[in-house]
Protein backbone atom coordinates (compact mmCIF):
# COMPACT_ATOMS: atom_id res chain seq x y z
CA MET A 1 128.50 105.11 79.28
CA SER A 2 131.03 106.69 81.65
CA ASP A 3 130.09 107.09 85.27
CA ARG A 4 129.80 110.86 84.73
CA ASP A 5 126.91 110.24 82.29
CA ILE A 6 124.71 109.13 85.19
CA THR A 7 121.49 111.07 85.80
CA VAL A 8 119.96 110.98 89.28
CA GLY A 9 116.23 111.57 89.60
CA VAL A 10 114.36 112.63 92.73
CA LEU A 11 110.70 111.57 92.77
CA SER A 12 108.89 114.24 94.75
CA LEU A 13 105.60 115.82 93.68
CA HIS A 14 105.79 118.43 96.45
CA SER A 15 108.35 121.20 96.85
CA SER A 16 110.45 120.39 99.89
CA LYS A 17 113.79 121.59 101.19
CA GLU A 18 114.94 117.98 101.38
CA SER A 19 114.28 117.20 97.71
CA LYS A 20 116.01 120.40 96.64
CA ALA A 21 118.98 119.69 98.89
CA ILE A 22 119.48 116.18 97.44
CA LEU A 23 119.33 117.46 93.86
CA ASN A 24 121.75 120.30 94.61
CA ALA A 25 124.15 117.88 96.30
CA VAL A 26 124.14 115.64 93.20
CA ASP A 27 124.85 118.68 91.02
CA GLU A 28 127.76 119.65 93.28
CA MET A 29 129.15 116.15 92.84
CA GLY A 30 129.24 116.66 89.08
CA TYR A 31 126.33 114.46 87.99
CA ASP A 32 123.14 115.27 86.08
CA THR A 33 119.79 115.60 87.83
CA GLU A 34 116.08 115.43 87.08
CA TRP A 35 113.25 116.36 89.42
CA LEU A 36 110.39 113.96 88.69
CA ARG A 37 107.25 116.03 89.18
CA ALA A 38 103.77 116.32 87.72
CA GLU A 39 104.97 118.92 85.20
CA ASN A 40 107.50 116.70 83.43
CA THR A 41 106.98 113.01 84.25
CA ALA A 42 105.40 110.48 81.88
CA ILE A 43 105.60 106.70 81.50
CA SER A 44 105.02 105.11 78.12
CA VAL A 45 104.42 101.54 76.95
CA THR A 46 105.12 100.97 73.25
CA ASP A 47 105.18 97.44 71.77
CA GLY A 48 105.71 96.06 75.25
CA GLU A 49 108.64 98.37 76.00
CA MET A 50 108.36 100.81 78.91
CA THR A 51 110.14 104.16 78.98
CA LEU A 52 110.31 106.95 81.55
CA GLU A 53 110.42 110.62 80.67
CA PRO A 54 112.62 112.26 81.79
CA ALA A 55 115.16 109.44 81.52
CA VAL A 56 117.12 108.73 84.71
CA ASP A 57 119.52 106.02 85.85
CA VAL A 58 118.45 105.91 89.50
CA VAL A 59 115.59 107.39 91.55
CA ALA A 60 115.59 108.69 95.11
CA ASN A 61 112.02 108.22 96.30
CA ARG A 62 110.79 111.22 98.29
CA LEU A 63 107.04 110.79 97.74
CA LEU A 64 105.17 112.24 100.70
CA LEU A 65 102.12 109.97 100.90
CA SER A 66 101.04 110.33 104.52
CA SER A 67 99.09 113.54 103.89
CA ASP A 68 97.52 112.33 100.62
CA GLU A 69 93.81 111.66 100.54
CA HIS A 70 94.44 108.58 98.39
CA PRO A 71 98.02 107.37 99.07
CA ALA A 72 97.53 104.26 96.91
CA GLU A 73 97.87 106.50 93.83
CA GLY A 74 101.37 107.53 94.88
CA ILE A 75 102.27 103.97 95.84
CA GLY A 76 101.26 102.78 92.37
CA LEU A 77 103.30 105.54 90.74
CA GLY A 78 106.35 104.65 92.79
CA MET A 79 106.01 100.96 92.00
CA THR A 80 105.72 101.71 88.28
CA ILE A 81 108.82 103.90 88.22
CA SER A 82 110.80 101.39 90.29
CA ARG A 83 110.45 98.92 87.37
CA LEU A 84 112.24 101.39 85.12
CA ALA A 85 115.14 102.48 87.35
CA PRO A 86 116.78 101.36 90.61
CA THR A 87 114.91 103.13 93.39
CA LEU A 88 116.14 104.16 96.82
CA ASN A 89 113.46 103.67 99.47
CA GLU A 90 111.78 101.06 97.29
CA PRO A 91 107.99 101.59 97.20
CA MET A 92 106.92 98.49 99.15
CA ALA A 93 109.33 99.32 101.96
CA ALA A 94 108.16 102.94 101.95
CA THR A 95 104.55 101.70 102.08
CA THR A 96 105.32 99.58 105.13
CA ALA A 97 106.82 102.63 106.83
CA LEU A 98 103.86 104.77 105.75
CA HIS A 99 101.43 102.60 107.72
CA LYS A 100 102.47 102.96 111.35
CA PHE A 101 101.02 99.65 112.47
CA ALA A 102 102.46 97.73 109.53
CA SER A 103 105.79 99.31 110.39
CA ALA A 104 105.46 98.26 114.05
CA ALA A 105 104.63 94.71 112.93
CA ALA A 106 107.75 94.53 110.75
CA LEU A 107 109.90 95.88 113.59
CA ALA A 108 108.47 93.47 116.15
CA ASP A 109 108.95 90.57 113.75
CA ALA A 110 112.63 91.52 113.47
CA GLY A 111 113.06 91.70 117.24
CA VAL A 112 113.21 95.50 117.40
CA PRO A 113 111.55 96.79 120.62
CA VAL A 114 108.27 98.67 120.04
CA PRO A 115 105.62 99.94 122.49
CA ASP A 116 102.54 97.82 123.17
CA ALA A 117 99.76 98.78 120.76
CA LEU A 118 96.29 97.70 119.63
CA LEU A 119 94.65 98.07 116.22
CA ALA A 120 91.05 96.85 116.02
CA LEU A 121 88.72 97.11 113.05
CA SER A 122 85.68 97.88 115.19
CA SER A 123 85.26 100.44 117.96
CA ASP A 124 83.77 97.80 120.24
CA LEU A 125 86.88 95.64 120.03
CA LEU A 126 89.18 98.63 120.49
CA ASN A 127 87.37 99.81 123.60
CA GLU A 128 87.05 96.36 125.15
CA GLU A 129 90.83 96.18 125.40
CA ARG A 130 91.72 99.81 126.14
CA ASP A 131 92.08 99.27 129.92
CA ARG A 132 95.34 97.39 129.36
CA PHE A 133 97.07 100.71 128.61
CA GLY A 134 96.24 102.31 131.97
CA ASP A 135 94.70 105.73 132.45
CA ARG A 136 95.93 107.25 129.19
CA ALA A 137 97.45 106.24 125.88
CA VAL A 138 98.65 107.61 122.58
CA TYR A 139 95.94 107.41 119.93
CA LYS A 140 97.14 107.53 116.32
CA THR A 141 95.74 107.25 112.86
CA ALA A 142 97.64 104.51 111.04
CA ILE A 143 98.69 107.07 108.42
CA GLY A 144 99.68 110.58 109.51
CA THR A 145 102.45 113.18 109.33
CA HIS A 146 104.13 116.07 111.19
CA GLY A 147 102.36 115.11 114.41
CA GLY A 148 98.93 115.31 112.78
CA GLY A 149 96.59 112.43 113.55
CA THR A 150 98.18 111.84 116.97
CA TRP A 151 96.46 112.48 120.28
CA MET A 152 96.97 111.81 123.96
CA VAL A 153 93.67 110.36 125.20
CA ASP A 154 92.13 109.76 128.59
CA LEU A 155 91.02 106.14 128.52
CA GLU A 156 87.99 106.82 130.70
CA ASN A 157 86.45 107.91 127.40
CA GLN A 158 85.82 105.62 124.46
CA VAL A 159 87.64 106.01 121.16
CA ASN A 160 86.79 105.21 117.56
CA ALA A 161 88.38 102.56 115.38
CA GLN A 162 88.57 105.16 112.60
CA VAL A 163 89.25 108.91 112.43
CA GLY A 164 88.32 110.67 109.22
CA GLY A 165 88.11 107.40 107.29
CA ARG A 166 91.54 106.16 108.43
CA TYR A 167 92.03 103.36 110.93
CA ALA A 168 93.38 104.42 114.30
CA PHE A 169 95.07 102.49 117.09
CA LEU A 170 96.07 102.80 120.73
CA GLN A 171 99.72 102.77 121.72
CA GLU A 172 101.35 102.62 125.12
CA TYR A 173 102.52 106.04 126.31
CA MET A 174 106.14 105.96 127.46
CA GLU A 175 107.70 108.63 129.64
CA HIS A 176 111.22 108.68 131.06
CA ASP A 177 111.85 112.37 131.70
CA GLU A 178 109.16 113.78 133.98
CA GLN A 179 110.50 117.32 133.54
CA ARG A 180 110.07 117.62 129.78
CA HIS A 181 108.92 115.03 127.26
CA HIS A 182 111.46 114.23 124.56
CA ASP A 183 112.54 111.54 122.14
CA LEU A 184 115.47 110.77 119.85
CA ARG A 185 115.52 111.20 116.09
CA VAL A 186 118.33 109.20 114.49
CA TYR A 187 118.93 109.66 110.75
CA VAL A 188 120.25 106.58 108.98
CA VAL A 189 121.54 106.16 105.41
CA VAL A 190 121.93 102.40 104.77
CA ASP A 191 124.41 101.27 107.45
CA GLN A 192 125.58 104.71 108.57
CA ILE A 193 124.19 107.03 111.23
CA VAL A 194 124.46 110.48 109.67
CA GLY A 195 123.21 112.45 112.67
CA ALA A 196 121.03 112.32 115.76
CA MET A 197 119.18 114.76 117.97
CA ASN A 198 117.00 114.96 121.03
CA ARG A 199 113.64 116.53 120.21
CA TYR A 200 111.95 118.33 123.10
CA ALA A 201 108.22 119.00 123.15
CA PRO A 202 107.22 122.69 123.22
CA GLU A 203 105.67 124.02 126.42
CA GLY A 204 102.18 122.65 127.02
CA GLU A 205 102.66 119.93 124.37
CA TRP A 206 103.71 116.29 124.58
CA ARG A 207 104.51 115.79 120.88
CA THR A 208 108.12 116.49 119.94
CA ASN A 209 107.79 117.19 116.20
CA VAL A 210 109.96 120.06 114.97
CA ALA A 211 107.04 121.05 112.73
CA LEU A 212 105.06 121.74 115.91
CA GLY A 213 107.75 123.97 117.40
CA GLY A 214 109.81 121.39 119.30
CA GLU A 215 113.39 122.26 120.28
CA VAL A 216 116.39 120.17 119.28
CA GLU A 217 119.75 119.15 120.77
CA ASP A 218 122.66 117.44 119.02
CA MET A 219 123.22 113.83 120.07
CA THR A 220 125.25 112.61 117.10
CA GLY A 221 128.41 111.83 119.06
CA GLU A 222 126.66 110.79 122.27
CA LEU A 223 124.36 107.96 121.20
CA PRO A 224 124.48 104.87 123.43
CA GLU A 225 125.56 101.79 121.50
CA ARG A 226 122.14 100.19 122.10
CA VAL A 227 120.41 103.14 120.42
CA ARG A 228 122.77 102.90 117.43
CA GLU A 229 121.96 99.20 117.06
CA ILE A 230 118.21 99.79 117.30
CA ALA A 231 118.29 102.59 114.70
CA LEU A 232 120.28 100.56 112.16
CA ASP A 233 118.19 97.43 112.77
CA SER A 234 114.96 99.42 112.30
CA VAL A 235 115.87 100.73 108.85
CA ASP A 236 117.03 97.26 107.83
CA ALA A 237 113.84 95.61 109.16
CA ILE A 238 111.59 97.92 107.11
CA GLY A 239 113.85 97.55 104.05
CA LEU A 240 114.58 101.26 103.58
CA ASP A 241 117.74 102.90 102.28
CA TYR A 242 117.39 106.06 104.36
CA ALA A 243 115.03 107.16 107.12
CA GLY A 244 114.61 109.03 110.38
CA VAL A 245 114.10 106.63 113.29
CA ASP A 246 112.18 107.98 116.30
CA ILE A 247 113.21 106.32 119.56
CA VAL A 248 111.88 106.91 123.07
CA GLN A 249 113.51 105.91 126.34
CA SER A 250 111.42 104.18 128.98
CA ASP A 251 112.38 103.01 132.45
CA ASP A 252 113.13 99.57 131.05
CA GLY A 253 114.97 100.50 127.86
CA TYR A 254 114.59 102.03 124.40
CA TYR A 255 111.65 101.58 122.01
CA VAL A 256 111.06 102.59 118.39
CA LEU A 257 108.03 104.81 117.83
CA GLU A 258 108.24 105.30 114.04
CA VAL A 259 110.51 104.92 111.02
CA ASN A 260 109.98 107.86 108.67
CA PRO A 261 111.20 107.52 105.05
CA THR A 262 110.51 111.20 104.31
CA ALA A 263 111.83 112.64 107.56
CA GLY A 264 112.79 116.29 107.32
CA PHE A 265 116.38 117.55 107.50
CA ARG A 266 115.90 121.00 108.99
CA GLY A 267 115.72 120.05 112.66
CA LEU A 268 118.66 117.68 112.36
CA PHE A 269 120.76 120.26 110.54
CA LYS A 270 119.88 122.90 113.14
CA ALA A 271 120.95 120.58 115.93
CA SER A 272 124.01 118.90 114.44
CA GLY A 273 125.14 121.05 111.53
CA VAL A 274 125.02 117.93 109.34
CA SER A 275 122.78 117.50 106.28
CA PRO A 276 121.81 113.97 105.14
CA ALA A 277 121.38 115.23 101.55
CA PRO A 278 124.93 114.50 100.25
CA TYR A 279 124.89 111.04 101.85
CA ILE A 280 121.68 110.20 99.98
CA ALA A 281 123.12 111.74 96.80
CA GLN A 282 126.26 109.59 97.16
CA LEU A 283 124.16 106.45 97.67
CA ALA A 284 122.08 107.20 94.56
CA ILE A 285 125.16 107.81 92.41
CA GLU A 286 126.87 104.64 93.62
CA ARG A 287 123.68 102.60 93.12
CA ALA A 288 123.79 103.67 89.45
CA GLY A 289 127.46 102.71 89.08
CA GLY A 290 129.14 106.05 89.78
CA SER A 291 131.50 107.05 92.57
CA VAL A 292 131.90 109.92 95.03
CA ASP A 293 134.82 110.31 97.41
CA HIS A 294 134.07 110.55 101.12
CA GLU A 295 135.79 113.94 101.45
CA THR A 296 133.32 115.50 99.01
CA VAL A 297 130.37 114.12 100.96
CA GLU A 298 131.71 115.47 104.25
CA ARG A 299 132.44 118.86 102.69
CA LEU A 300 128.89 119.17 101.34
CA SER A 301 127.25 117.91 104.54
CA ASP A 302 127.99 121.16 106.39
CA ARG A 303 125.30 123.02 104.43
CA LEU A 304 121.64 122.57 103.64
CA ASP A 305 121.38 124.01 100.13
CA ASP A 306 117.64 124.21 99.50
CA SER A 307 117.87 126.79 96.73
CA LYS A 308 115.93 126.18 93.53
CA PRO A 309 117.66 123.30 91.65
CA ALA A 310 118.77 123.88 88.08
CA CYS A 311 116.62 120.94 86.94
CA THR A 312 113.35 122.33 88.34
CA PRO A 313 110.77 121.77 85.59
CA LYS A 314 108.81 124.74 84.32
CA LYS A 315 105.26 124.92 85.51
CA PRO A 316 102.66 125.02 82.72
CA GLN A 317 100.45 128.06 82.41
CA PRO A 318 97.44 127.49 84.67
CA LYS A 319 94.21 126.77 82.84
CA ALA A 320 91.01 128.41 83.94
CA GLN A 321 88.93 125.91 85.84
CA GLU A 322 85.90 125.95 88.02
CA ASN A 323 86.48 125.23 91.71
CA VAL A 324 84.16 122.94 93.59
CA VAL A 325 81.37 125.08 95.01
CA VAL A 326 80.27 125.16 98.64
CA GLY A 327 77.38 127.10 100.07
CA TYR A 328 77.23 129.99 102.51
CA ILE A 329 75.72 127.43 104.86
CA GLU A 330 77.12 123.96 104.20
CA GLU A 331 76.46 120.55 105.76
CA VAL A 332 79.77 118.99 106.83
CA VAL A 333 81.00 116.04 108.88
CA VAL A 334 83.34 116.67 111.83
CA THR A 335 85.40 113.88 113.38
CA GLY A 336 87.35 113.58 116.61
CA THR A 337 88.77 110.77 118.70
CA GLN A 338 85.43 109.86 120.25
CA GLY A 339 82.85 110.47 117.56
CA THR A 340 81.66 111.82 114.23
CA LYS A 341 78.82 114.26 113.73
CA SER A 342 77.07 115.91 110.79
CA VAL A 343 76.52 119.63 111.40
CA LEU A 344 75.69 122.84 109.55
CA ALA A 345 78.68 125.14 109.11
CA LYS A 346 78.92 128.76 108.07
CA SER A 347 81.47 129.71 105.37
CA ASP A 348 83.54 132.80 106.17
CA THR A 349 86.27 133.73 103.68
CA GLY A 350 87.35 136.50 106.05
CA ALA A 351 88.37 134.01 108.73
CA THR A 352 91.90 132.64 108.54
CA ARG A 353 91.16 129.65 110.74
CA THR A 354 88.22 127.26 111.09
CA SER A 355 86.57 127.40 114.53
CA ILE A 356 84.40 124.90 116.39
CA ASP A 357 81.98 125.27 119.27
CA ALA A 358 83.49 124.08 122.57
CA LYS A 359 80.52 121.82 123.32
CA LEU A 360 80.71 120.13 119.91
CA ALA A 361 84.48 119.76 120.29
CA ALA A 362 83.94 117.97 123.61
CA GLU A 363 81.26 115.69 122.11
CA ILE A 364 83.49 114.38 119.31
CA GLY A 365 86.77 114.52 121.25
CA THR A 366 89.12 116.95 119.50
CA GLY A 367 91.95 117.10 122.07
CA PRO A 368 94.63 117.70 122.95
CA ILE A 369 94.93 121.49 122.91
CA LEU A 370 97.88 122.26 120.64
CA ASP A 371 98.38 125.93 121.51
CA ILE A 372 96.70 129.14 122.68
CA VAL A 373 96.53 131.72 119.91
CA LYS A 374 95.11 135.20 119.51
CA ILE A 375 92.32 135.43 116.95
CA LYS A 376 91.59 138.90 115.60
CA SER A 377 87.99 139.91 115.20
CA GLY A 378 86.27 142.84 113.59
CA SER A 379 84.72 143.76 116.93
CA LEU A 380 87.92 143.32 118.98
CA LYS A 381 91.02 144.90 117.47
CA SER A 382 93.28 143.38 120.12
CA GLY A 383 91.99 139.87 119.47
CA ARG A 384 90.92 137.07 121.79
CA SER A 385 92.97 134.14 123.07
CA ARG A 386 91.56 130.75 122.12
CA PRO A 387 92.82 127.18 122.31
CA VAL A 388 93.42 125.36 119.02
CA VAL A 389 93.06 121.64 118.29
CA ASP A 390 93.40 119.20 115.41
CA LEU A 391 90.06 118.67 113.65
CA VAL A 392 88.98 116.51 110.71
CA VAL A 393 86.28 118.16 108.58
CA GLY A 394 84.56 116.33 105.72
CA VAL A 395 83.20 118.57 102.97
CA GLY A 396 81.38 116.76 100.15
CA GLY A 397 83.32 113.55 100.80
CA THR A 398 86.76 115.22 100.99
CA GLN A 399 88.53 115.12 104.35
CA HIS A 400 90.49 118.16 105.61
CA THR A 401 92.65 117.98 108.74
CA VAL A 402 93.03 121.51 110.11
CA THR A 403 94.10 123.21 113.31
CA ALA A 404 90.85 124.80 114.48
CA SER A 405 90.19 127.27 117.27
CA VAL A 406 87.75 126.34 120.04
CA GLU A 407 85.24 128.90 121.28
CA ASP A 408 81.79 129.21 122.79
CA ARG A 409 79.45 129.39 119.80
CA GLY A 410 76.36 128.41 121.80
CA HIS A 411 74.76 131.81 121.16
CA MET A 412 75.32 131.47 117.40
CA ASP A 413 73.23 129.54 114.91
CA TYR A 414 76.03 127.32 113.60
CA PRO A 415 78.53 125.33 115.71
CA LEU A 416 81.23 125.41 113.05
CA LEU A 417 82.78 128.26 111.09
CA LEU A 418 84.71 127.29 107.94
CA GLY A 419 87.78 129.50 107.52
CA ARG A 420 90.18 129.98 104.63
CA ASP A 421 92.22 126.96 105.73
CA ILE A 422 89.37 124.90 104.20
CA LEU A 423 87.64 127.37 101.89
CA LYS A 424 90.84 127.94 99.87
CA HIS A 425 89.99 124.65 98.15
CA TYR A 426 86.49 125.82 97.13
CA GLN A 427 84.42 128.57 95.59
CA VAL A 428 81.80 129.95 97.96
CA ASP A 429 78.29 130.59 96.62
CA VAL A 430 76.72 133.00 99.12
CA THR A 431 73.22 132.31 97.74
CA ARG A 432 73.38 128.58 98.48
CA ARG A 433 72.30 127.37 101.91
CA ALA A 434 72.04 123.84 103.21
CA ASP A 435 69.36 124.96 105.69
CA ASP A 436 67.13 126.00 102.76
CA GLU A 437 66.56 129.53 104.01
CA SER A 438 66.25 132.14 101.29
CA ASP A 439 67.46 135.17 103.24
CA VAL A 440 71.12 135.64 104.00
CA GLU A 441 71.84 135.71 107.71
CA THR A 442 73.68 138.67 109.20
CA GLU A 443 75.06 138.03 112.66
CA GLU A 444 76.83 141.02 114.14
CA GLU A 445 78.71 138.80 116.57
CA GLU A 446 79.98 136.51 113.76
CA GLN A 447 82.26 138.97 112.07
CA SER A 448 85.17 137.80 109.98
CA GLU A 449 87.80 136.34 112.31
CA GLU A 450 91.37 136.79 111.25
């Protein structure tokens, strides 16, 4: 086999700009590609021999597991495929990075500076020790993404050891710039820093995620040597081939917040004009025995080609299937940082966003406020301004993390309104009511909220 016969696969069950950009970069380099997705991927065992369809010579692992309800399924898939082809971001390393506390443990064990943190398996143990963090701390679910599952909490109030079925922990809050909170995102491919940026939190927010509207600033050529060392050591300590390393500066030095194996490229490209995609493509090709000259990589790094790759598998014709049914009035479980409560919720397919009563939000601890948005209502054409917060809603055993609006629903019968952000996963039966009333309620004040 000549080196040009190499086929690079990208394992990514979701459609992301990053996966497309890697595949397109490989194509530009003159090698074959396969996008390993649900539509085209199968693993067979015949007489003790395992085969992968489609056949590839190397796999770039881009499985996004942090938002999966059951991430172990994806971990098992990645581990299976890694037995059939060399895999970048090997599944066990990616799993370590997926779990924020396991990642912190690996970093600390390697001598990489990390903030003080506490994970306890019971709420009593977690709250007994919370005073050590001062007046406030960062409170995170061990698995989360795009800033979801992360809160700033006032430690006068107690917190739960779990949020929505996932363990949560307290982490020291570090602040160096009193004017505007920011951190560093450094993108590493093996032993090379591809690019770096400052990420600034949007107004009224302390989280810096680009997905939340944070602004970016190029830092690629201005990184202190200590930051470069920490970023490279972090990726090596976790065992990853490529990752975004989030670093915060404190008064006494730099600390690693997270190492993200599926970090996005868009913010970095916006800030620096450099795409990591061709660097990952080069690594994959070389891991399979091929070669790419450095000039080609640099030439391709000045674009983020996220157009539809030529190897995109065809989607099968959708089969008619029945959605899970929820009632007009449904019993659900809502979870915040301080508690969990079972409540009756009203289903409203006319409402874009789920909304929660302010008193209930305070009881379970849904902060912080992420934004102030205008919600249109049938009775008010101009709309009303309401704060929005992260909220975990359990419907029939399935957890949904949504950005819900907070309002005074004390004059209404139900403290929670389920909008299309949740109802899109279900079929609503308007005749079914969890409160066992036979007549359908009509509340003039609860009109569909867009």
